[in-house]
C-alpha cells in the first residue's frame, strides 16, 4: 500500500462588504479585497490539515497589499462585520496603478490631470508642457 500526500499553499477570498475609501497610496477611490493564505497537508488530494494562516487586504485602485492582524483576520473569516482602518494595515507590497503602471513613476499634467508613464515632454491630451 502507498499514500499520496503533499504540502501545498492555498488562498481563500473572504466575504467583506467594503465601502469606498480614498487610498492613501494613490489618492484614488478603491475598495479592499480581503483574502487568507495558508499551507495545508493533503492526503489522497483531500486537504486534511491547515496551518500558517495569514490575512491580507488588497486595494482595487492601485493593487497595494496590506497584511491584517491575526485577530482581525479571524473575525473577518468568521463573517463578522469589521471596518478596516489604516492603523490596522501593514504594507506588504506597493501596488501599481489600476491601469497597470507604477504610481510612483507616473507623470500627471498640471493642466488637465492626464496621467502617463511615458517619457513625454508635452501632455498628449492638452499639449501643456509637463513640469519636472
C-alpha atoms as a PDB file:
ATOM      1  CA  UNK A   1       0.000   0.000   0.000  1.00  0.00           C
ATOM      2  CA  UNK A   2       1.185   3.550  -0.680  1.00  0.00           C
ATOM      3  CA  UNK A   3      -0.026   7.005   0.292  1.00  0.00           C
ATOM      4  CA  UNK A   4      -0.333  10.040  -1.919  1.00  0.00           C
ATOM      5  CA  UNK A   5       0.243  13.112   0.190  1.00  0.00           C
ATOM      6  CA  UNK A   6       1.585  16.583  -0.265  1.00  0.00           C
ATOM      7  CA  UNK A   7       2.009  20.012   1.243  1.00  0.00           C
ATOM      8  CA  UNK A   8       0.598  22.931  -0.745  1.00  0.00           C
ATOM      9  CA  UNK A   9      -0.243  26.612  -0.483  1.00  0.00           C
ATOM     10  CA  UNK A  10      -3.855  27.770  -0.628  1.00  0.00           C
ATOM     11  CA  UNK A  11      -5.753  31.034  -0.848  1.00  0.00           C
ATOM     12  CA  UNK A  12      -9.358  31.843   0.004  1.00  0.00           C
ATOM     13  CA  UNK A  13     -11.215  35.085  -0.690  1.00  0.00           C
ATOM     14  CA  UNK A  14     -13.157  36.266   2.355  1.00  0.00           C
ATOM     15  CA  UNK A  15     -16.525  37.970   2.209  1.00  0.00           C
ATOM     16  CA  UNK A  16     -16.013  41.621   3.070  1.00  0.00           C
ATOM     17  CA  UNK A  17     -18.547  44.363   2.435  1.00  0.00           C
ATOM     18  CA  UNK A  18     -16.219  47.278   1.921  1.00  0.00           C
ATOM     19  CA  UNK A  19     -17.302  50.802   1.279  1.00  0.00           C
ATOM     20  CA  UNK A  20     -15.352  53.115  -0.976  1.00  0.00           C
ATOM     21  CA  UNK A  21     -12.385  54.922   0.517  1.00  0.00           C
ATOM     22  CA  UNK A  22      -9.692  57.271  -0.745  1.00  0.00           C
ATOM     23  CA  UNK A  23      -6.424  55.349  -0.973  1.00  0.00           C
ATOM     24  CA  UNK A  24      -3.517  56.837   0.943  1.00  0.00           C
ATOM     25  CA  UNK A  25      -1.075  55.447  -1.649  1.00  0.00           C
ATOM     26  CA  UNK A  26      -2.506  56.564  -4.984  1.00  0.00           C
ATOM     27  CA  UNK A  27      -5.197  59.081  -3.975  1.00  0.00           C
ATOM     28  CA  UNK A  28      -7.972  57.313  -5.900  1.00  0.00           C
ATOM     29  CA  UNK A  29     -11.202  55.696  -4.756  1.00  0.00           C
ATOM     30  CA  UNK A  30     -10.935  51.995  -4.046  1.00  0.00           C
ATOM     31  CA  UNK A  31     -12.215  49.006  -2.083  1.00  0.00           C
ATOM     32  CA  UNK A  32     -10.450  46.309  -0.094  1.00  0.00           C
ATOM     33  CA  UNK A  33     -10.486  42.699  -1.296  1.00  0.00           C
ATOM     34  CA  UNK A  34      -9.715  40.543   1.733  1.00  0.00           C
ATOM     35  CA  UNK A  35      -8.201  37.066   1.451  1.00  0.00           C
ATOM     36  CA  UNK A  36      -6.495  34.425   3.544  1.00  0.00           C
ATOM     37  CA  UNK A  37      -3.421  32.387   2.609  1.00  0.00           C
ATOM     38  CA  UNK A  38      -2.495  29.120   4.291  1.00  0.00           C
ATOM     39  CA  UNK A  39      -0.416  25.957   3.988  1.00  0.00           C
ATOM     40  CA  UNK A  40      -2.160  22.592   4.019  1.00  0.00           C
ATOM     41  CA  UNK A  41      -1.423  18.884   4.082  1.00  0.00           C
ATOM     42  CA  UNK A  42      -3.407  16.791   1.644  1.00  0.00           C
ATOM     43  CA  UNK A  43      -3.858  13.043   1.737  1.00  0.00           C
ATOM     44  CA  UNK A  44      -5.106  11.456  -1.470  1.00  0.00           C
ATOM     45  CA  UNK A  45      -5.723  15.012  -2.792  1.00  0.00           C
ATOM     46  CA  UNK A  46      -8.045  15.837   0.111  1.00  0.00           C
ATOM     47  CA  UNK A  47      -6.968  18.714   2.398  1.00  0.00           C
ATOM     48  CA  UNK A  48      -6.577  17.298   5.894  1.00  0.00           C
ATOM     49  CA  UNK A  49      -4.827  19.940   7.994  1.00  0.00           C
ATOM     50  CA  UNK A  50      -4.286  23.724   7.566  1.00  0.00           C
ATOM     51  CA  UNK A  51      -1.691  25.916   9.279  1.00  0.00           C
ATOM     52  CA  UNK A  52       0.143  29.211   8.811  1.00  0.00           C
ATOM     53  CA  UNK A  53      -2.991  31.247   8.120  1.00  0.00           C
ATOM     54  CA  UNK A  54      -2.291  34.871   7.208  1.00  0.00           C
ATOM     55  CA  UNK A  55      -4.794  37.539   6.262  1.00  0.00           C
ATOM     56  CA  UNK A  56      -4.377  40.257   3.641  1.00  0.00           C
ATOM     57  CA  UNK A  57      -6.294  43.138   2.067  1.00  0.00           C
ATOM     58  CA  UNK A  58      -5.601  44.278  -1.498  1.00  0.00           C
ATOM     59  CA  UNK A  59      -6.831  47.616  -2.815  1.00  0.00           C
ATOM     60  CA  UNK A  60      -8.826  47.693  -6.038  1.00  0.00           C
ATOM     61  CA  UNK A  61      -7.422  51.081  -7.071  1.00  0.00           C
ATOM     62  CA  UNK A  62      -3.646  50.548  -7.114  1.00  0.00           C
ATOM     63  CA  UNK A  63      -3.224  46.930  -6.004  1.00  0.00           C
ATOM     64  CA  UNK A  64      -1.321  47.675  -2.801  1.00  0.00           C
ATOM     65  CA  UNK A  65      -1.325  44.644  -0.492  1.00  0.00           C
ATOM     66  CA  UNK A  66      -1.613  45.049   3.283  1.00  0.00           C
ATOM     67  CA  UNK A  67      -1.286  42.396   5.980  1.00  0.00           C
ATOM     68  CA  UNK A  68      -4.037  42.317   8.598  1.00  0.00           C
ATOM     69  CA  UNK A  69      -3.596  41.472  12.279  1.00  0.00           C
ATOM     70  CA  UNK A  70      -4.447  37.835  13.086  1.00  0.00           C
ATOM     71  CA  UNK A  71      -7.389  38.719  15.336  1.00  0.00           C
ATOM     72  CA  UNK A  72      -8.949  40.989  12.691  1.00  0.00           C
ATOM     73  CA  UNK A  73      -8.445  38.326  10.015  1.00  0.00           C
ATOM     74  CA  UNK A  74     -10.074  35.634  12.137  1.00  0.00           C
ATOM     75  CA  UNK A  75     -13.041  37.904  12.826  1.00  0.00           C
ATOM     76  CA  UNK A  76     -13.492  38.540   9.086  1.00  0.00           C
ATOM     77  CA  UNK A  77     -13.151  34.805   8.350  1.00  0.00           C
ATOM     78  CA  UNK A  78     -15.972  34.122  10.833  1.00  0.00           C
ATOM     79  CA  UNK A  79     -18.147  36.603   8.928  1.00  0.00           C
ATOM     80  CA  UNK A  80     -18.119  39.401  11.499  1.00  0.00           C
ATOM     81  CA  UNK A  81     -18.766  42.927  10.287  1.00  0.00           C
ATOM     82  CA  UNK A  82     -15.466  44.772  10.755  1.00  0.00           C
ATOM     83  CA  UNK A  83     -14.286  48.074   9.299  1.00  0.00           C
ATOM     84  CA  UNK A  84     -10.647  48.136   8.230  1.00  0.00           C
ATOM     85  CA  UNK A  85      -8.791  51.235   9.363  1.00  0.00           C
ATOM     86  CA  UNK A  86      -5.337  52.433   8.238  1.00  0.00           C
ATOM     87  CA  UNK A  87      -3.812  51.742  11.671  1.00  0.00           C
ATOM     88  CA  UNK A  88      -4.700  48.025  11.285  1.00  0.00           C
ATOM     89  CA  UNK A  89      -2.857  47.654   7.984  1.00  0.00           C
ATOM     90  CA  UNK A  90       0.819  46.868   7.402  1.00  0.00           C
ATOM     91  CA  UNK A  91       2.094  47.395   3.839  1.00  0.00           C
ATOM     92  CA  UNK A  92       3.409  44.205   2.253  1.00  0.00           C
ATOM     93  CA  UNK A  93       3.867  45.461  -1.308  1.00  0.00           C
ATOM     94  CA  UNK A  94       3.153  48.724  -3.059  1.00  0.00           C
ATOM     95  CA  UNK A  95       0.840  48.304  -5.953  1.00  0.00           C
ATOM     96  CA  UNK A  96       0.650  49.625  -9.435  1.00  0.00           C
ATOM     97  CA  UNK A  97      -1.984  51.954 -10.753  1.00  0.00           C
ATOM     98  CA  UNK A  98      -5.317  50.485 -11.821  1.00  0.00           C
ATOM     99  CA  UNK A  99      -4.218  50.633 -15.451  1.00  0.00           C
ATOM    100  CA  UNK A 100      -1.026  48.674 -14.739  1.00  0.00           C
ATOM    101  CA  UNK A 101       1.546  51.418 -14.273  1.00  0.00           C
ATOM    102  CA  UNK A 102       3.645  52.197 -11.257  1.00  0.00           C
ATOM    103  CA  UNK A 103       2.026  55.081  -9.403  1.00  0.00           C
ATOM    104  CA  UNK A 104       5.355  56.475  -8.202  1.00  0.00           C
ATOM    105  CA  UNK A 105       6.746  56.884 -11.751  1.00  0.00           C
ATOM    106  CA  UNK A 106       3.589  58.324 -13.326  1.00  0.00           C
ATOM    107  CA  UNK A 107       3.563  61.894 -14.641  1.00  0.00           C
ATOM    108  CA  UNK A 108       0.455  63.986 -14.138  1.00  0.00           C
ATOM    109  CA  UNK A 109      -0.418  67.006 -16.255  1.00  0.00           C
ATOM    110  CA  UNK A 110      -0.966  70.070 -14.070  1.00  0.00           C
ATOM    111  CA  UNK A 111      -3.404  71.494 -16.629  1.00  0.00           C
ATOM    112  CA  UNK A 112      -5.826  68.636 -17.416  1.00  0.00           C
ATOM    113  CA  UNK A 113      -4.888  65.844 -14.929  1.00  0.00           C
ATOM    114  CA  UNK A 114      -3.881  63.291 -17.592  1.00  0.00           C
ATOM    115  CA  UNK A 115      -1.533  60.584 -16.183  1.00  0.00           C
ATOM    116  CA  UNK A 116       1.118  58.670 -18.112  1.00  0.00           C
ATOM    117  CA  UNK A 117       4.297  56.689 -17.516  1.00  0.00           C
ATOM    118  CA  UNK A 118       5.654  57.532 -20.962  1.00  0.00           C
ATOM    119  CA  UNK A 119       8.592  59.911 -21.250  1.00  0.00           C
ATOM    120  CA  UNK A 120       6.617  62.692 -22.935  1.00  0.00           C
ATOM    121  CA  UNK A 121       7.778  66.310 -22.835  1.00  0.00           C
ATOM    122  CA  UNK A 122       4.221  67.550 -23.537  1.00  0.00           C
ATOM    123  CA  UNK A 123       0.820  66.236 -22.483  1.00  0.00           C
ATOM    124  CA  UNK A 124      -0.738  64.218 -25.348  1.00  0.00           C
ATOM    125  CA  UNK A 125      -4.224  65.298 -24.264  1.00  0.00           C
ATOM    126  CA  UNK A 126      -3.943  69.090 -23.936  1.00  0.00           C
ATOM    127  CA  UNK A 127      -0.438  69.959 -25.193  1.00  0.00           C
ATOM    128  CA  UNK A 128       0.740  71.557 -21.930  1.00  0.00           C
ATOM    129  CA  UNK A 129       4.417  71.016 -21.069  1.00  0.00           C
ATOM    130  CA  UNK A 130       4.987  68.535 -18.185  1.00  0.00           C
ATOM    131  CA  UNK A 131       6.734  70.129 -15.216  1.00  0.00           C
ATOM    132  CA  UNK A 132       9.572  68.146 -13.676  1.00  0.00           C
END
